[in-house]
N, C-alpha and C. Protein backbone atom coordinates (compact mmCIF):
# COMPACT_ATOMS: atom_id res chain seq x y z
N MET A 1 -40.72 -11.33 -11.59
CA MET A 1 -40.00 -10.13 -11.89
C MET A 1 -39.25 -9.69 -10.60
N LYS A 2 -39.76 -9.74 -9.60
CA LYS A 2 -39.18 -9.31 -8.24
C LYS A 2 -37.96 -10.30 -8.02
N ASP A 3 -38.22 -11.53 -8.25
CA ASP A 3 -37.00 -12.40 -7.96
C ASP A 3 -35.88 -12.25 -8.89
N ALA A 4 -36.12 -11.79 -10.06
CA ALA A 4 -35.09 -11.47 -11.05
C ALA A 4 -34.26 -10.29 -10.60
N VAL A 5 -34.97 -9.27 -10.07
CA VAL A 5 -34.27 -8.02 -9.57
C VAL A 5 -33.39 -8.48 -8.30
N VAL A 6 -33.99 -9.25 -7.41
CA VAL A 6 -33.27 -9.67 -6.17
C VAL A 6 -31.98 -10.55 -6.59
N GLU A 7 -32.27 -11.40 -7.68
CA GLU A 7 -31.18 -12.24 -8.03
C GLU A 7 -29.97 -11.46 -8.71
N LYS A 8 -30.27 -10.38 -9.48
CA LYS A 8 -29.33 -9.51 -10.10
C LYS A 8 -28.62 -8.71 -8.97
N VAL A 9 -29.23 -8.17 -7.94
CA VAL A 9 -28.70 -7.50 -6.94
C VAL A 9 -27.68 -8.47 -6.21
N LEU A 10 -28.17 -9.62 -5.84
CA LEU A 10 -27.24 -10.58 -5.13
C LEU A 10 -26.01 -10.90 -5.98
N GLN A 11 -26.23 -11.12 -7.21
CA GLN A 11 -25.03 -11.32 -8.18
C GLN A 11 -24.16 -10.23 -8.18
N TYR A 12 -24.68 -9.02 -8.22
CA TYR A 12 -23.92 -7.80 -8.29
C TYR A 12 -23.04 -7.72 -6.95
N LEU A 13 -23.77 -7.93 -5.74
CA LEU A 13 -23.03 -7.91 -4.50
C LEU A 13 -22.01 -9.02 -4.34
N ASP A 14 -22.25 -10.13 -4.96
CA ASP A 14 -21.16 -11.20 -4.99
C ASP A 14 -19.96 -10.75 -5.81
N ASN A 15 -20.15 -10.15 -6.99
CA ASN A 15 -19.09 -9.55 -7.71
C ASN A 15 -18.25 -8.53 -7.02
N ILE A 16 -18.96 -7.67 -6.32
CA ILE A 16 -18.28 -6.66 -5.65
C ILE A 16 -17.45 -7.30 -4.37
N GLY A 17 -18.00 -8.23 -3.71
CA GLY A 17 -17.35 -8.95 -2.70
C GLY A 17 -16.11 -9.73 -3.11
N THR A 18 -16.14 -10.31 -4.39
CA THR A 18 -15.01 -10.95 -4.98
C THR A 18 -13.93 -9.96 -5.29
N THR A 19 -14.35 -8.83 -5.84
CA THR A 19 -13.36 -7.81 -6.24
C THR A 19 -12.77 -7.22 -4.95
N LEU A 20 -13.46 -6.96 -3.90
CA LEU A 20 -12.95 -6.41 -2.59
C LEU A 20 -12.05 -7.45 -1.93
N SER A 21 -12.42 -8.70 -2.06
CA SER A 21 -11.67 -9.72 -1.51
C SER A 21 -10.14 -9.78 -2.05
N ASN A 22 -10.19 -9.76 -3.41
CA ASN A 22 -8.87 -9.77 -4.16
C ASN A 22 -8.13 -8.51 -3.81
N GLY A 23 -8.79 -7.31 -3.76
CA GLY A 23 -8.08 -6.05 -3.45
C GLY A 23 -7.56 -6.08 -2.04
N ALA A 24 -8.28 -6.60 -1.11
CA ALA A 24 -7.84 -6.66 0.27
C ALA A 24 -6.71 -7.61 0.46
N GLU A 25 -6.60 -8.73 -0.22
CA GLU A 25 -5.53 -9.68 -0.13
C GLU A 25 -4.30 -9.01 -0.79
N TYR A 26 -4.45 -8.30 -1.85
CA TYR A 26 -3.36 -7.56 -2.50
C TYR A 26 -2.84 -6.41 -1.50
N GLY A 27 -3.71 -5.79 -0.87
CA GLY A 27 -3.36 -4.73 0.04
C GLY A 27 -2.67 -5.28 1.29
N PHE A 28 -3.04 -6.45 1.75
CA PHE A 28 -2.42 -7.01 2.93
C PHE A 28 -1.00 -7.36 2.57
N ARG A 29 -0.81 -7.99 1.43
CA ARG A 29 0.50 -8.25 1.00
C ARG A 29 1.52 -7.04 0.91
N ILE A 30 0.90 -5.99 0.39
CA ILE A 30 1.61 -4.79 0.35
C ILE A 30 1.99 -4.25 1.77
N LEU A 31 1.04 -4.32 2.65
CA LEU A 31 1.23 -3.94 4.05
C LEU A 31 2.36 -4.67 4.73
N VAL A 32 2.36 -5.98 4.45
CA VAL A 32 3.38 -6.83 5.03
C VAL A 32 4.76 -6.52 4.48
N LYS A 33 4.79 -6.26 3.22
CA LYS A 33 6.17 -5.78 2.65
C LYS A 33 6.56 -4.43 3.25
N GLN A 34 5.59 -3.57 3.51
CA GLN A 34 5.86 -2.32 4.04
C GLN A 34 6.49 -2.43 5.41
N GLN A 35 5.91 -3.35 6.17
CA GLN A 35 6.45 -3.49 7.59
C GLN A 35 7.91 -4.02 7.56
N SER A 36 8.22 -4.94 6.55
CA SER A 36 9.57 -5.42 6.52
C SER A 36 10.41 -4.29 5.99
N MET A 37 10.07 -3.57 5.17
CA MET A 37 10.88 -2.48 4.65
C MET A 37 11.09 -1.33 5.69
N GLU A 38 10.19 -1.18 6.52
CA GLU A 38 10.22 -0.14 7.52
C GLU A 38 11.28 -0.61 8.58
N GLY A 39 11.33 -1.92 8.86
CA GLY A 39 12.33 -2.35 9.79
C GLY A 39 13.68 -2.32 9.16
N ILE A 40 13.92 -2.73 7.93
CA ILE A 40 15.18 -2.72 7.31
C ILE A 40 15.64 -1.32 7.07
N GLY A 41 14.72 -0.42 6.80
CA GLY A 41 15.07 1.05 6.54
C GLY A 41 15.48 1.71 7.88
N PHE A 42 14.97 1.37 8.83
CA PHE A 42 15.42 1.85 10.21
C PHE A 42 16.85 1.39 10.47
N PHE A 43 17.25 0.21 10.30
CA PHE A 43 18.63 -0.27 10.57
C PHE A 43 19.64 0.41 9.52
N ILE A 44 19.12 0.55 8.41
CA ILE A 44 20.05 1.16 7.36
C ILE A 44 20.32 2.66 7.71
N ILE A 45 19.28 3.41 8.26
CA ILE A 45 19.43 4.78 8.59
C ILE A 45 20.22 4.89 9.77
N VAL A 46 20.00 4.09 10.79
CA VAL A 46 20.81 4.01 12.05
C VAL A 46 22.15 3.69 11.83
N GLY A 47 22.53 2.69 11.05
CA GLY A 47 23.77 2.30 10.62
C GLY A 47 24.51 3.35 9.88
N PHE A 48 23.97 4.07 8.96
CA PHE A 48 24.50 5.09 8.23
C PHE A 48 24.85 6.26 9.09
N PHE A 49 23.85 6.62 10.04
CA PHE A 49 24.18 7.70 10.90
C PHE A 49 25.30 7.46 11.87
N LEU A 50 25.30 6.21 12.42
CA LEU A 50 26.41 5.81 13.27
C LEU A 50 27.72 5.83 12.59
N LEU A 51 27.81 5.38 11.35
CA LEU A 51 29.03 5.40 10.54
C LEU A 51 29.52 6.81 10.36
N ILE A 52 28.73 7.79 9.95
CA ILE A 52 29.09 9.15 9.70
C ILE A 52 29.52 9.72 10.99
N CYS A 53 28.81 9.60 12.01
CA CYS A 53 29.20 10.26 13.21
C CYS A 53 30.52 9.65 13.82
N SER A 54 30.65 8.31 13.70
CA SER A 54 31.90 7.72 14.22
C SER A 54 33.16 8.11 13.36
N ILE A 55 32.94 8.30 12.09
CA ILE A 55 34.13 8.77 11.24
C ILE A 55 34.44 10.18 11.63
N LEU A 56 33.47 10.98 11.88
CA LEU A 56 33.55 12.50 12.31
C LEU A 56 34.23 12.47 13.63
N LEU A 57 33.89 11.56 14.61
CA LEU A 57 34.53 11.60 15.83
C LEU A 57 36.05 11.22 15.74
N ILE A 58 36.21 10.10 15.04
CA ILE A 58 37.74 9.73 14.90
C ILE A 58 38.53 10.77 14.22
N ILE A 59 38.02 11.29 13.15
CA ILE A 59 38.89 12.35 12.52
C ILE A 59 39.04 13.54 13.43
N SER A 60 38.04 13.89 14.15
CA SER A 60 38.19 15.08 15.02
C SER A 60 39.10 14.85 16.13
N LEU A 61 39.14 13.71 16.68
CA LEU A 61 40.16 13.29 17.83
C LEU A 61 41.51 13.14 17.31
N ARG A 62 41.72 12.62 16.20
CA ARG A 62 43.02 12.34 15.66
C ARG A 62 43.72 13.61 15.33
N LYS A 63 42.96 14.65 14.67
CA LYS A 63 43.61 15.87 14.33
C LYS A 63 43.59 16.87 15.48
N LEU A 64 43.00 16.61 16.60
CA LEU A 64 42.97 17.59 17.71
C LEU A 64 44.43 17.54 18.41
N LYS A 65 44.78 18.80 18.67
CA LYS A 65 46.04 19.09 19.31
C LYS A 65 45.79 20.02 20.49
N VAL A 66 45.77 19.48 21.60
CA VAL A 66 45.38 20.17 22.84
C VAL A 66 46.44 19.70 23.92
N GLU A 67 46.86 20.78 24.65
CA GLU A 67 47.87 20.52 25.77
C GLU A 67 47.09 21.14 27.02
N VAL A 68 47.54 20.61 28.12
CA VAL A 68 47.14 21.13 29.41
C VAL A 68 48.28 21.78 30.07
N ASP A 69 48.02 23.08 30.40
CA ASP A 69 49.14 23.81 31.14
C ASP A 69 49.25 23.45 32.60
N ALA A 70 50.11 24.04 33.31
CA ALA A 70 50.37 23.69 34.73
C ALA A 70 49.21 24.03 35.66
N TYR A 71 48.33 24.92 35.17
CA TYR A 71 47.05 25.34 36.01
C TYR A 71 45.84 24.46 35.62
N GLY A 72 45.97 23.47 34.62
CA GLY A 72 44.91 22.62 34.31
C GLY A 72 44.01 23.27 33.23
N ASN A 73 44.48 24.29 32.58
CA ASN A 73 43.72 24.96 31.45
C ASN A 73 44.03 24.33 30.18
N LEU A 74 43.06 24.18 29.19
CA LEU A 74 43.37 23.72 27.95
C LEU A 74 44.02 24.64 27.04
N GLN A 75 45.13 24.22 26.39
CA GLN A 75 45.74 25.17 25.45
C GLN A 75 45.63 24.58 24.01
N PHE A 76 45.00 25.36 23.10
CA PHE A 76 44.73 24.90 21.83
C PHE A 76 45.83 25.61 20.88
N GLU A 77 46.32 24.90 19.93
CA GLU A 77 47.20 25.40 18.83
C GLU A 77 46.69 26.50 18.05
N SER A 78 45.43 26.31 17.70
CA SER A 78 44.72 27.24 16.79
C SER A 78 43.25 27.24 17.17
N LEU A 79 42.47 28.17 16.61
CA LEU A 79 41.09 28.23 16.82
C LEU A 79 40.39 27.06 16.23
N PHE A 80 41.02 26.57 14.97
CA PHE A 80 40.38 25.35 14.31
C PHE A 80 40.36 24.14 15.32
N ASP A 81 41.28 24.09 16.29
CA ASP A 81 41.26 22.92 17.14
C ASP A 81 40.08 23.01 18.14
N VAL A 82 39.61 24.25 18.40
CA VAL A 82 38.40 24.38 19.24
C VAL A 82 37.26 23.75 18.49
N PHE A 83 37.12 24.12 17.18
CA PHE A 83 36.12 23.61 16.36
C PHE A 83 36.20 22.13 16.22
N LYS A 84 37.32 21.51 16.18
CA LYS A 84 37.50 20.08 16.27
C LYS A 84 36.99 19.47 17.50
N LEU A 85 37.30 20.04 18.54
CA LEU A 85 36.78 19.53 19.97
C LEU A 85 35.24 19.63 19.97
N ILE A 86 34.77 20.74 19.46
CA ILE A 86 33.24 20.88 19.46
C ILE A 86 32.65 19.91 18.62
N ALA A 87 33.22 19.55 17.37
CA ALA A 87 32.74 18.54 16.47
C ALA A 87 32.84 17.16 17.16
N ALA A 88 34.00 16.90 17.85
CA ALA A 88 34.01 15.62 18.58
C ALA A 88 32.92 15.44 19.67
N ILE A 89 32.72 16.47 20.34
CA ILE A 89 31.62 16.49 21.44
C ILE A 89 30.29 16.28 20.85
N ILE A 90 29.94 16.98 19.78
CA ILE A 90 28.63 16.91 19.13
C ILE A 90 28.47 15.47 18.57
N SER A 91 29.53 14.95 17.84
CA SER A 91 29.34 13.64 17.23
C SER A 91 29.26 12.55 18.33
N GLY A 92 29.87 12.79 19.50
CA GLY A 92 29.82 11.76 20.53
C GLY A 92 28.38 11.73 21.10
N VAL A 93 27.82 12.94 21.36
CA VAL A 93 26.44 13.09 21.81
C VAL A 93 25.48 12.48 20.85
N LEU A 94 25.69 12.70 19.56
CA LEU A 94 24.81 12.10 18.51
C LEU A 94 25.01 10.57 18.47
N ILE A 95 26.10 10.00 18.64
CA ILE A 95 26.29 8.65 18.78
C ILE A 95 25.58 8.05 19.91
N PHE A 96 25.63 8.68 21.05
CA PHE A 96 24.98 8.29 22.28
C PHE A 96 23.44 8.19 21.98
N PHE A 97 22.86 9.29 21.48
CA PHE A 97 21.42 9.25 21.33
C PHE A 97 20.95 8.29 20.18
N THR A 98 21.72 8.06 19.18
CA THR A 98 21.57 7.10 18.08
C THR A 98 21.48 5.67 18.78
N LEU A 99 22.50 5.44 19.60
CA LEU A 99 22.53 4.10 20.25
C LEU A 99 21.27 3.94 21.27
N LEU A 100 20.94 5.07 21.82
CA LEU A 100 19.72 5.00 22.72
C LEU A 100 18.45 4.81 21.87
N THR A 101 18.36 5.42 20.77
CA THR A 101 17.25 5.05 19.86
C THR A 101 17.26 3.67 19.37
N LEU A 102 18.44 3.17 19.13
CA LEU A 102 18.56 1.67 18.62
C LEU A 102 18.12 0.75 19.78
N ALA A 103 18.48 1.14 21.03
CA ALA A 103 18.09 0.28 22.15
C ALA A 103 16.61 0.20 22.39
N PHE A 104 15.97 1.25 22.14
CA PHE A 104 14.44 1.45 22.46
C PHE A 104 13.71 0.97 21.24
N SER A 105 14.08 1.21 19.99
CA SER A 105 13.28 0.98 18.78
C SER A 105 13.81 -0.20 18.13
N GLY A 106 14.95 -0.60 18.32
CA GLY A 106 15.65 -1.67 17.60
C GLY A 106 14.89 -3.02 17.64
N VAL A 107 14.46 -3.30 18.87
CA VAL A 107 13.75 -4.66 18.93
C VAL A 107 12.49 -4.68 18.17
N GLU A 108 11.64 -3.63 18.30
CA GLU A 108 10.42 -3.60 17.51
C GLU A 108 10.68 -3.62 15.97
N ASN A 109 11.77 -2.87 15.56
CA ASN A 109 12.05 -2.90 14.07
C ASN A 109 12.65 -4.21 13.66
N PHE A 110 13.32 -4.90 14.47
CA PHE A 110 13.75 -6.23 14.18
C PHE A 110 12.63 -7.22 14.12
N LEU A 111 11.68 -7.09 14.93
CA LEU A 111 10.43 -7.97 14.99
C LEU A 111 9.69 -7.69 13.75
N LYS A 112 9.71 -6.38 13.30
CA LYS A 112 8.93 -6.08 12.02
C LYS A 112 9.52 -6.89 10.75
N ILE A 113 10.96 -7.09 10.89
CA ILE A 113 11.59 -7.89 9.82
C ILE A 113 11.13 -9.29 9.98
N ALA A 114 11.26 -9.88 11.24
CA ALA A 114 11.09 -11.22 11.55
C ALA A 114 9.63 -11.66 11.39
N ASN A 115 8.66 -10.83 11.87
CA ASN A 115 7.24 -11.22 11.85
C ASN A 115 6.45 -10.07 11.29
N PRO A 116 6.48 -9.72 10.02
CA PRO A 116 5.77 -8.46 9.48
C PRO A 116 4.27 -8.73 9.44
N GLU A 117 3.78 -10.01 9.40
CA GLU A 117 2.32 -10.20 9.31
C GLU A 117 1.68 -9.62 10.61
N TYR A 118 2.30 -9.91 11.78
CA TYR A 118 1.73 -9.39 13.05
C TYR A 118 1.65 -7.95 13.06
N TYR A 119 2.61 -7.22 12.59
CA TYR A 119 2.65 -5.83 12.58
C TYR A 119 1.71 -5.26 11.53
N ALA A 120 1.45 -5.96 10.44
CA ALA A 120 0.53 -5.53 9.50
C ALA A 120 -0.89 -5.62 10.09
N ILE A 121 -1.23 -6.75 10.68
CA ILE A 121 -2.50 -6.87 11.43
C ILE A 121 -2.62 -5.84 12.49
N LYS A 122 -1.60 -5.67 13.29
CA LYS A 122 -1.75 -4.61 14.35
C LYS A 122 -1.96 -3.14 13.78
N GLU A 123 -1.34 -2.82 12.59
CA GLU A 123 -1.56 -1.58 12.01
C GLU A 123 -3.04 -1.42 11.50
N ILE A 124 -3.61 -2.52 10.85
CA ILE A 124 -4.94 -2.45 10.51
C ILE A 124 -5.86 -2.29 11.65
N LEU A 125 -5.57 -3.02 12.74
CA LEU A 125 -6.47 -2.81 14.04
C LEU A 125 -6.40 -1.36 14.56
N ASP A 126 -5.17 -0.85 14.60
CA ASP A 126 -5.01 0.44 15.08
C ASP A 126 -5.73 1.43 14.17
N THR A 127 -5.78 1.22 12.95
CA THR A 127 -6.45 2.17 11.93
C THR A 127 -7.98 2.02 12.29
N ILE A 128 -8.43 0.80 12.47
CA ILE A 128 -9.88 0.57 12.74
C ILE A 128 -10.29 1.28 14.09
N LYS A 129 -9.37 1.13 15.11
CA LYS A 129 -9.69 1.81 16.44
C LYS A 129 -9.58 3.24 16.33
N GLY A 130 -8.94 3.80 15.36
CA GLY A 130 -8.77 5.32 15.20
C GLY A 130 -7.48 5.86 15.92
N GLU A 131 -6.49 5.00 16.12
CA GLU A 131 -5.33 5.41 16.79
C GLU A 131 -4.30 5.99 15.82
């Protein structure tokens, strides 16, 4: 009687282990895909942001009409030209910071595309460590 209960418990634990193993394998595949998509998404967002800021910068600078008088002061044709200059400055600063972000995070996100298994395992280990 006692052996039958132990046998049923062991069989039950084997079934649970098999189920968890299949679930863990599926979860790992999803985590690998997530790492790849995270890297691709980063480059899509950065590229889109650079495109929008570059277009804004080009349009602002082409439409800007500024003259410098004899004293070195800027003379604008209208108040709208001041806003164009401000838009050009802001878009230039945003392009600079976007390129800085690309320089610091671009390598890691490229490696997430090239080797997603490593970053999936790294994320699992970080989760276990509690980071």
